[in-house]
Amino acid sequence: MKFSVWLVGRGCRRLIIAMIVAVLVVSDLPETNRSFAGDAVPFARLGAQFKKSIRPLLGRYCLGCHSTQKKVGELDLEQFTTFAAVRKGTKSWLKGGRNARQRGNATEEVGSADRRSTQNAPELGGTVFVR
């Protein structure tokens, strides 16, 4: 009995040592040794992209119904004037996603907000999925 316990204990030690060696080997690879921050887009650049590309689209296609004054679906997109405001406004995004899920398929809900306004919307290069 002591012999089998010794083998199990030794097997566990071997497994732990093998895992440590594997982690050390993998962490030394060039692909994993990079800083993730170096690959990320700086917030200043995201803010500029939001101001240049996204904000005008919101104004053209969304703010007619989802402004501070109208708030259709209790969603006020007019408050998001900067990318920093978008990052701080998580309650609005979570509420909008929850409302869409409660009504059924969120992808259909996003696309069916107003058929007249979304028919002429520009192609944004993808489908919006909220799950």
C-alpha atoms as a PDB file:
ATOM      1  CA  MET A   1       0.000   0.000   0.000  1.00  0.00           C
ATOM      2  CA  LYS A   2       2.805   2.416   0.809  1.00  0.00           C
ATOM      3  CA  PHE A   3       4.368   1.554  -2.542  1.00  0.00           C
ATOM      4  CA  SER A   4       1.233   2.578  -4.533  1.00  0.00           C
ATOM      5  CA  VAL A   5       0.860   5.835  -2.570  1.00  0.00           C
ATOM      6  CA  TRP A   6       4.504   6.598  -3.291  1.00  0.00           C
ATOM      7  CA  LEU A   7       3.921   6.053  -7.033  1.00  0.00           C
ATOM      8  CA  VAL A   8       0.876   8.292  -7.081  1.00  0.00           C
ATOM      9  CA  GLY A   9       2.713  10.973  -5.157  1.00  0.00           C
ATOM     10  CA  ARG A  10       5.694  10.690  -7.449  1.00  0.00           C
ATOM     11  CA  GLY A  11       3.423  10.741 -10.518  1.00  0.00           C
ATOM     12  CA  CYS A  12       1.802  13.936  -9.288  1.00  0.00           C
ATOM     13  CA  ARG A  13       5.207  15.491  -8.750  1.00  0.00           C
ATOM     14  CA  ARG A  14       6.222  14.490 -12.270  1.00  0.00           C
ATOM     15  CA  LEU A  15       3.030  15.951 -13.670  1.00  0.00           C
ATOM     16  CA  ILE A  16       3.572  19.227 -11.821  1.00  0.00           C
ATOM     17  CA  ILE A  17       7.187  19.413 -12.993  1.00  0.00           C
ATOM     18  CA  ALA A  18       6.122  18.674 -16.582  1.00  0.00           C
ATOM     19  CA  MET A  19       3.476  21.411 -16.413  1.00  0.00           C
ATOM     20  CA  ILE A  20       5.986  23.938 -15.043  1.00  0.00           C
ATOM     21  CA  VAL A  21       8.465  23.086 -17.793  1.00  0.00           C
ATOM     22  CA  ALA A  22       5.728  23.382 -20.443  1.00  0.00           C
ATOM     23  CA  VAL A  23       4.679  26.795 -19.132  1.00  0.00           C
ATOM     24  CA  LEU A  24       8.278  28.002 -19.115  1.00  0.00           C
ATOM     25  CA  VAL A  25       8.875  26.759 -22.655  1.00  0.00           C
ATOM     26  CA  VAL A  26       5.646  28.258 -24.005  1.00  0.00           C
ATOM     27  CA  SER A  27       6.169  31.580 -22.227  1.00  0.00           C
ATOM     28  CA  ASP A  28       9.577  31.905 -23.861  1.00  0.00           C
ATOM     29  CA  LEU A  29       8.134  31.676 -27.386  1.00  0.00           C
ATOM     30  CA  PRO A  30       8.228  34.978 -29.293  1.00  0.00           C
ATOM     31  CA  GLU A  31       4.459  34.911 -29.965  1.00  0.00           C
ATOM     32  CA  THR A  32       3.587  34.751 -26.273  1.00  0.00           C
ATOM     33  CA  ASN A  33       6.397  36.971 -25.072  1.00  0.00           C
ATOM     34  CA  ARG A  34       4.909  40.095 -26.660  1.00  0.00           C
ATOM     35  CA  SER A  35       3.095  42.631 -24.588  1.00  0.00           C
ATOM     36  CA  PHE A  36      -0.625  42.674 -25.289  1.00  0.00           C
ATOM     37  CA  ALA A  37      -0.613  46.430 -24.722  1.00  0.00           C
ATOM     38  CA  GLY A  38       1.688  46.819 -27.715  1.00  0.00           C
ATOM     39  CA  ASP A  39      -0.889  45.143 -29.949  1.00  0.00           C
ATOM     40  CA  ALA A  40      -3.847  47.159 -28.682  1.00  0.00           C
ATOM     41  CA  VAL A  41      -5.154  50.220 -30.455  1.00  0.00           C
ATOM     42  CA  PRO A  42      -4.564  53.298 -28.266  1.00  0.00           C
ATOM     43  CA  PHE A  43      -7.706  54.878 -26.843  1.00  0.00           C
ATOM     44  CA  ALA A  44      -6.795  58.224 -28.409  1.00  0.00           C
ATOM     45  CA  ARG A  45      -6.885  56.626 -31.855  1.00  0.00           C
ATOM     46  CA  LEU A  46     -10.158  54.847 -31.070  1.00  0.00           C
ATOM     47  CA  GLY A  47     -11.580  58.178 -29.942  1.00  0.00           C
ATOM     48  CA  ALA A  48     -10.569  59.815 -33.211  1.00  0.00           C
ATOM     49  CA  GLN A  49     -12.102  56.936 -35.202  1.00  0.00           C
ATOM     50  CA  PHE A  50     -15.322  57.223 -33.191  1.00  0.00           C
ATOM     51  CA  LYS A  51     -15.530  60.968 -33.823  1.00  0.00           C
ATOM     52  CA  LYS A  52     -14.764  60.601 -37.538  1.00  0.00           C
ATOM     53  CA  SER A  53     -16.714  57.441 -38.450  1.00  0.00           C
ATOM     54  CA  ILE A  54     -19.216  56.291 -35.840  1.00  0.00           C
ATOM     55  CA  ARG A  55     -20.618  59.533 -34.432  1.00  0.00           C
ATOM     56  CA  PRO A  56     -21.774  60.796 -37.868  1.00  0.00           C
ATOM     57  CA  LEU A  57     -23.531  57.454 -38.480  1.00  0.00           C
ATOM     58  CA  LEU A  58     -25.314  57.720 -35.137  1.00  0.00           C
ATOM     59  CA  GLY A  59     -26.435  61.219 -36.058  1.00  0.00           C
ATOM     60  CA  ARG A  60     -27.661  60.176 -39.470  1.00  0.00           C
ATOM     61  CA  TYR A  61     -29.354  56.852 -38.719  1.00  0.00           C
ATOM     62  CA  CYS A  62     -30.038  56.600 -34.979  1.00  0.00           C
ATOM     63  CA  LEU A  63     -30.585  59.946 -33.277  1.00  0.00           C
ATOM     64  CA  GLY A  64     -33.907  60.540 -35.030  1.00  0.00           C
ATOM     65  CA  CYS A  65     -35.439  58.034 -32.606  1.00  0.00           C
ATOM     66  CA  HIS A  66     -32.798  57.485 -29.921  1.00  0.00           C
ATOM     67  CA  SER A  67     -32.057  61.089 -28.934  1.00  0.00           C
ATOM     68  CA  THR A  68     -32.108  62.599 -25.459  1.00  0.00           C
ATOM     69  CA  GLN A  69     -35.525  64.070 -26.222  1.00  0.00           C
ATOM     70  CA  LYS A  70     -37.249  61.024 -27.793  1.00  0.00           C
ATOM     71  CA  LYS A  71     -35.496  58.040 -26.139  1.00  0.00           C
ATOM     72  CA  VAL A  72     -37.410  55.392 -28.093  1.00  0.00           C
ATOM     73  CA  GLY A  73     -36.921  52.115 -26.248  1.00  0.00           C
ATOM     74  CA  GLU A  74     -35.455  54.148 -23.386  1.00  0.00           C
ATOM     75  CA  LEU A  75     -32.229  54.372 -25.380  1.00  0.00           C
ATOM     76  CA  ASP A  76     -30.450  57.731 -25.556  1.00  0.00           C
ATOM     77  CA  LEU A  77     -27.552  57.585 -28.002  1.00  0.00           C
ATOM     78  CA  GLU A  78     -27.136  61.351 -28.084  1.00  0.00           C
ATOM     79  CA  GLN A  79     -25.252  61.220 -24.782  1.00  0.00           C
ATOM     80  CA  PHE A  80     -22.362  59.427 -26.503  1.00  0.00           C
ATOM     81  CA  THR A  81     -20.504  62.399 -27.936  1.00  0.00           C
ATOM     82  CA  THR A  82     -17.022  60.959 -27.272  1.00  0.00           C
ATOM     83  CA  PHE A  83     -15.445  57.530 -27.085  1.00  0.00           C
ATOM     84  CA  ALA A  84     -14.867  58.093 -23.358  1.00  0.00           C
ATOM     85  CA  ALA A  85     -18.626  58.568 -22.934  1.00  0.00           C
ATOM     86  CA  VAL A  86     -19.229  55.311 -24.814  1.00  0.00           C
ATOM     87  CA  ARG A  87     -16.888  53.472 -22.451  1.00  0.00           C
ATOM     88  CA  LYS A  88     -18.615  54.966 -19.405  1.00  0.00           C
ATOM     89  CA  GLY A  89     -22.134  54.268 -20.690  1.00  0.00           C
ATOM     90  CA  THR A  90     -22.148  50.511 -20.164  1.00  0.00           C
ATOM     91  CA  LYS A  91     -25.577  50.570 -18.488  1.00  0.00           C
ATOM     92  CA  SER A  92     -27.147  51.819 -21.714  1.00  0.00           C
ATOM     93  CA  TRP A  93     -25.464  49.110 -23.804  1.00  0.00           C
ATOM     94  CA  LEU A  94     -26.405  46.356 -21.357  1.00  0.00           C
ATOM     95  CA  LYS A  95     -29.991  47.583 -21.149  1.00  0.00           C
ATOM     96  CA  GLY A  96     -30.281  47.772 -24.940  1.00  0.00           C
ATOM     97  CA  GLY A  97     -28.949  44.240 -25.305  1.00  0.00           C
ATOM     98  CA  ARG A  98     -31.290  42.941 -22.615  1.00  0.00           C
ATOM     99  CA  ASN A  99     -34.298  44.642 -24.240  1.00  0.00           C
ATOM    100  CA  ALA A 100     -33.404  43.170 -27.626  1.00  0.00           C
ATOM    101  CA  ARG A 101     -33.032  39.674 -26.156  1.00  0.00           C
ATOM    102  CA  GLN A 102     -36.398  39.943 -24.359  1.00  0.00           C
ATOM    103  CA  ARG A 103     -38.135  40.723 -27.648  1.00  0.00           C
ATOM    104  CA  GLY A 104     -36.660  37.724 -29.425  1.00  0.00           C
ATOM    105  CA  ASN A 105     -33.680  37.250 -31.667  1.00  0.00           C
ATOM    106  CA  ALA A 106     -31.349  40.164 -31.024  1.00  0.00           C
ATOM    107  CA  THR A 107     -29.917  40.144 -34.531  1.00  0.00           C
ATOM    108  CA  GLU A 108     -33.397  40.599 -35.985  1.00  0.00           C
ATOM    109  CA  GLU A 109     -34.200  43.262 -33.411  1.00  0.00           C
ATOM    110  CA  VAL A 110     -31.146  45.340 -34.239  1.00  0.00           C
ATOM    111  CA  GLY A 111     -31.935  45.189 -37.934  1.00  0.00           C
ATOM    112  CA  SER A 112     -35.646  45.899 -37.541  1.00  0.00           C
ATOM    113  CA  ALA A 113     -35.486  49.059 -35.419  1.00  0.00           C
ATOM    114  CA  ASP A 114     -37.027  51.075 -38.217  1.00  0.00           C
ATOM    115  CA  ARG A 115     -37.142  49.570 -41.688  1.00  0.00           C
ATOM    116  CA  ARG A 116     -37.332  53.007 -43.317  1.00  0.00           C
ATOM    117  CA  SER A 117     -34.163  54.289 -41.650  1.00  0.00           C
ATOM    118  CA  THR A 118     -32.155  51.074 -41.867  1.00  0.00           C
ATOM    119  CA  GLN A 119     -32.870  50.326 -45.528  1.00  0.00           C
ATOM    120  CA  ASN A 120     -30.556  53.125 -46.614  1.00  0.00           C
ATOM    121  CA  ALA A 121     -27.969  52.514 -43.901  1.00  0.00           C
ATOM    122  CA  PRO A 122     -24.413  52.009 -45.162  1.00  0.00           C
ATOM    123  CA  GLU A 123     -22.862  48.562 -45.135  1.00  0.00           C
ATOM    124  CA  LEU A 124     -20.787  48.397 -41.959  1.00  0.00           C
ATOM    125  CA  GLY A 125     -19.026  45.165 -42.802  1.00  0.00           C
ATOM    126  CA  GLY A 126     -20.664  42.667 -40.497  1.00  0.00           C
ATOM    127  CA  THR A 127     -23.646  41.422 -38.586  1.00  0.00           C
ATOM    128  CA  VAL A 128     -24.357  42.558 -35.057  1.00  0.00           C
ATOM    129  CA  PHE A 129     -24.901  39.672 -32.656  1.00  0.00           C
ATOM    130  CA  VAL A 130     -26.036  40.219 -29.090  1.00  0.00           C
ATOM    131  CA  ARG A 131     -26.179  37.124 -26.901  1.00  0.00           C
END
